[in-house]
N, C-alpha and C. Protein backbone atom coordinates (compact mmCIF):
# COMPACT_ATOMS: atom_id res chain seq x y z
N MET A 1 12.76 72.05 -142.95
CA MET A 1 12.79 72.19 -141.50
C MET A 1 11.80 71.20 -140.89
N VAL A 2 12.24 70.45 -139.90
CA VAL A 2 11.39 69.48 -139.23
C VAL A 2 10.67 70.17 -138.08
N LYS A 3 9.35 70.00 -138.06
CA LYS A 3 8.55 70.62 -137.02
C LYS A 3 8.62 69.77 -135.76
N LYS A 4 8.87 70.41 -134.62
CA LYS A 4 8.92 69.70 -133.35
C LYS A 4 7.49 69.43 -132.90
N LEU A 5 7.22 68.17 -132.58
CA LEU A 5 5.87 67.79 -132.17
C LEU A 5 5.66 68.01 -130.69
N HIS A 6 4.43 68.32 -130.34
CA HIS A 6 4.02 68.40 -128.95
C HIS A 6 4.22 67.01 -128.34
N PRO A 7 4.68 66.91 -127.09
CA PRO A 7 4.92 65.60 -126.49
C PRO A 7 3.71 64.66 -126.53
N ALA A 8 2.51 65.20 -126.35
CA ALA A 8 1.30 64.36 -126.39
C ALA A 8 1.10 63.81 -127.80
N ALA A 9 1.35 64.63 -128.81
CA ALA A 9 1.20 64.19 -130.19
C ALA A 9 2.26 63.14 -130.53
N ALA A 10 3.48 63.35 -130.10
CA ALA A 10 4.55 62.40 -130.38
C ALA A 10 4.27 61.05 -129.72
N ALA A 11 3.80 61.07 -128.48
CA ALA A 11 3.50 59.81 -127.78
C ALA A 11 2.34 59.08 -128.45
N LEU A 12 1.31 59.83 -128.83
CA LEU A 12 0.16 59.22 -129.48
C LEU A 12 0.55 58.65 -130.85
N LEU A 13 1.36 59.37 -131.59
CA LEU A 13 1.81 58.86 -132.89
C LEU A 13 2.61 57.57 -132.73
N ALA A 14 3.42 57.48 -131.69
CA ALA A 14 4.19 56.26 -131.45
C ALA A 14 3.25 55.07 -131.18
N GLU A 15 2.20 55.31 -130.41
CA GLU A 15 1.22 54.25 -130.13
C GLU A 15 0.49 53.85 -131.41
N ILE A 16 0.11 54.84 -132.20
CA ILE A 16 -0.59 54.57 -133.46
C ILE A 16 0.30 53.79 -134.40
N GLU A 17 1.55 54.19 -134.54
CA GLU A 17 2.46 53.51 -135.46
C GLU A 17 2.71 52.07 -135.03
N ALA A 18 2.81 51.83 -133.71
CA ALA A 18 2.99 50.46 -133.23
C ALA A 18 1.76 49.61 -133.57
N TYR A 19 0.58 50.17 -133.38
CA TYR A 19 -0.65 49.45 -133.74
C TYR A 19 -0.71 49.19 -135.25
N ARG A 20 -0.40 50.21 -136.02
CA ARG A 20 -0.45 50.07 -137.48
C ARG A 20 0.53 49.01 -137.97
N ALA A 21 1.70 48.93 -137.34
CA ALA A 21 2.69 47.92 -137.73
C ALA A 21 2.17 46.51 -137.47
N ARG A 22 1.46 46.34 -136.35
CA ARG A 22 0.89 45.03 -136.01
C ARG A 22 -0.30 44.67 -136.90
N SER A 23 -1.13 45.67 -137.19
CA SER A 23 -2.39 45.40 -137.88
C SER A 23 -2.32 45.52 -139.40
N GLY A 24 -1.34 46.25 -139.90
CA GLY A 24 -1.25 46.47 -141.33
C GLY A 24 -2.21 47.53 -141.84
N THR A 25 -2.77 48.32 -140.94
CA THR A 25 -3.73 49.37 -141.31
C THR A 25 -2.98 50.58 -141.87
N ASP A 26 -3.46 51.12 -142.98
CA ASP A 26 -2.80 52.31 -143.53
C ASP A 26 -3.25 53.56 -142.77
N ARG A 27 -2.55 54.64 -143.00
CA ARG A 27 -2.77 55.90 -142.27
C ARG A 27 -4.19 56.42 -142.39
N THR A 28 -4.68 56.47 -143.60
CA THR A 28 -6.01 57.02 -143.84
C THR A 28 -7.09 56.17 -143.19
N ASN A 29 -7.01 54.87 -143.38
CA ASN A 29 -8.03 53.99 -142.80
C ASN A 29 -7.99 53.99 -141.29
N PHE A 30 -6.81 54.11 -140.70
CA PHE A 30 -6.75 54.20 -139.24
C PHE A 30 -7.55 55.41 -138.77
N GLY A 31 -7.29 56.55 -139.37
CA GLY A 31 -8.01 57.77 -138.97
C GLY A 31 -9.50 57.65 -139.18
N LYS A 32 -9.91 57.07 -140.30
CA LYS A 32 -11.33 56.89 -140.58
C LYS A 32 -11.98 55.95 -139.56
N GLN A 33 -11.31 54.85 -139.26
CA GLN A 33 -11.89 53.87 -138.34
C GLN A 33 -11.91 54.38 -136.90
N ALA A 34 -10.85 55.01 -136.47
CA ALA A 34 -10.74 55.44 -135.08
C ALA A 34 -11.53 56.71 -134.79
N LEU A 35 -11.52 57.64 -135.73
CA LEU A 35 -12.08 58.97 -135.45
C LEU A 35 -12.97 59.53 -136.55
N ARG A 36 -13.18 58.75 -137.60
CA ARG A 36 -13.92 59.24 -138.78
C ARG A 36 -13.24 60.45 -139.40
N ASN A 37 -11.90 60.42 -139.39
CA ASN A 37 -11.11 61.52 -139.91
C ASN A 37 -9.86 60.95 -140.58
N GLY A 38 -9.92 60.82 -141.90
CA GLY A 38 -8.81 60.26 -142.65
C GLY A 38 -7.56 61.11 -142.64
N ASN A 39 -7.66 62.36 -142.24
CA ASN A 39 -6.50 63.25 -142.19
C ASN A 39 -5.90 63.37 -140.80
N PHE A 40 -6.34 62.54 -139.87
CA PHE A 40 -5.90 62.67 -138.49
C PHE A 40 -4.39 62.55 -138.33
N ILE A 41 -3.78 61.51 -138.88
CA ILE A 41 -2.34 61.30 -138.71
C ILE A 41 -1.53 62.43 -139.36
N PRO A 42 -1.83 62.81 -140.61
CA PRO A 42 -1.07 63.94 -141.18
C PRO A 42 -1.21 65.24 -140.38
N ARG A 43 -2.37 65.45 -139.80
CA ARG A 43 -2.55 66.66 -138.98
C ARG A 43 -1.70 66.61 -137.72
N LEU A 44 -1.66 65.44 -137.08
CA LEU A 44 -0.80 65.29 -135.90
C LEU A 44 0.66 65.54 -136.28
N GLU A 45 1.08 64.93 -137.38
CA GLU A 45 2.46 65.11 -137.84
C GLU A 45 2.74 66.56 -138.22
N GLY A 46 1.71 67.28 -138.60
CA GLY A 46 1.87 68.68 -138.98
C GLY A 46 1.89 69.64 -137.81
N GLY A 47 1.71 69.12 -136.60
CA GLY A 47 1.81 69.99 -135.43
C GLY A 47 0.54 70.14 -134.62
N ALA A 48 -0.55 69.50 -135.01
CA ALA A 48 -1.78 69.59 -134.24
C ALA A 48 -1.57 68.96 -132.87
N ILE A 49 -2.21 69.53 -131.86
CA ILE A 49 -2.12 69.01 -130.51
C ILE A 49 -3.43 68.29 -130.20
N PRO A 50 -3.36 66.99 -129.90
CA PRO A 50 -4.59 66.24 -129.64
C PRO A 50 -5.20 66.62 -128.29
N THR A 51 -6.52 66.61 -128.23
CA THR A 51 -7.21 66.85 -126.96
C THR A 51 -7.20 65.55 -126.15
N PHE A 52 -7.50 65.66 -124.87
CA PHE A 52 -7.59 64.46 -124.03
C PHE A 52 -8.67 63.52 -124.56
N LYS A 53 -9.77 64.10 -125.02
CA LYS A 53 -10.86 63.29 -125.55
C LYS A 53 -10.40 62.50 -126.78
N THR A 54 -9.66 63.14 -127.66
CA THR A 54 -9.15 62.47 -128.86
C THR A 54 -8.17 61.36 -128.48
N ILE A 55 -7.28 61.64 -127.56
CA ILE A 55 -6.33 60.62 -127.11
C ILE A 55 -7.08 59.42 -126.54
N ASP A 56 -8.09 59.69 -125.72
CA ASP A 56 -8.88 58.60 -125.15
C ASP A 56 -9.59 57.79 -126.22
N ARG A 57 -10.14 58.47 -127.22
CA ARG A 57 -10.84 57.77 -128.30
C ARG A 57 -9.90 56.89 -129.11
N VAL A 58 -8.71 57.39 -129.41
CA VAL A 58 -7.74 56.62 -130.17
C VAL A 58 -7.30 55.40 -129.37
N ARG A 59 -6.99 55.60 -128.09
CA ARG A 59 -6.55 54.47 -127.26
C ARG A 59 -7.66 53.44 -127.09
N ALA A 60 -8.90 53.89 -126.95
CA ALA A 60 -10.02 52.95 -126.83
C ALA A 60 -10.17 52.14 -128.12
N PHE A 61 -10.00 52.79 -129.26
CA PHE A 61 -10.07 52.08 -130.53
C PHE A 61 -8.98 51.03 -130.61
N ILE A 62 -7.75 51.41 -130.31
CA ILE A 62 -6.62 50.47 -130.38
C ILE A 62 -6.85 49.30 -129.41
N ASP A 63 -7.25 49.61 -128.18
CA ASP A 63 -7.50 48.55 -127.20
C ASP A 63 -8.61 47.62 -127.67
N GLY A 64 -9.68 48.18 -128.20
CA GLY A 64 -10.79 47.36 -128.68
C GLY A 64 -10.40 46.47 -129.84
N GLN A 65 -9.60 47.00 -130.75
CA GLN A 65 -9.16 46.20 -131.90
C GLN A 65 -8.18 45.13 -131.47
N THR A 66 -7.31 45.46 -130.53
CA THR A 66 -6.32 44.49 -130.06
C THR A 66 -7.01 43.34 -129.33
N LYS A 67 -7.97 43.65 -128.48
CA LYS A 67 -8.70 42.61 -127.75
C LYS A 67 -9.53 41.75 -128.69
N ALA A 68 -10.07 42.36 -129.74
CA ALA A 68 -10.90 41.62 -130.69
C ALA A 68 -10.09 40.63 -131.51
N THR A 69 -8.80 40.89 -131.69
CA THR A 69 -7.98 40.02 -132.53
C THR A 69 -7.19 38.99 -131.72
N GLN A 70 -7.21 39.09 -130.39
CA GLN A 70 -6.49 38.12 -129.57
C GLN A 70 -7.31 36.84 -129.47
N PRO A 71 -6.64 35.69 -129.57
CA PRO A 71 -7.38 34.43 -129.44
C PRO A 71 -7.91 34.26 -128.03
N ARG A 72 -9.10 33.68 -127.93
CA ARG A 72 -9.69 33.44 -126.63
C ARG A 72 -9.11 32.17 -126.04
N ARG A 73 -8.83 32.22 -124.74
CA ARG A 73 -8.30 31.05 -124.05
C ARG A 73 -9.46 30.22 -123.53
N LYS A 74 -9.28 28.93 -123.58
CA LYS A 74 -10.29 28.04 -123.02
C LYS A 74 -10.14 28.01 -121.51
N ALA A 75 -11.26 27.96 -120.83
CA ALA A 75 -11.22 27.89 -119.37
C ALA A 75 -10.74 26.51 -118.95
N SER A 76 -9.82 26.48 -118.00
CA SER A 76 -9.32 25.19 -117.51
C SER A 76 -10.30 24.62 -116.48
N ARG A 77 -10.43 23.32 -116.51
CA ARG A 77 -11.36 22.68 -115.57
C ARG A 77 -10.64 21.80 -114.63
């Protein structure tokens, strides 16, 4: 039986999976790096409902990593 995910968990998992596909980060390391919790993704998939604070922390991590890997543009003169 497939467990129906809370909409917030489903949306967050979609964002995480998109980031992981771009970065090549595995599930455990993503959780450890973003939240110091290697079981974060399996818990979300198991039906846990993320708090607003957790969602904000995950998004801040993804945004920070994405900005850090983007090439810097030279200022035009």
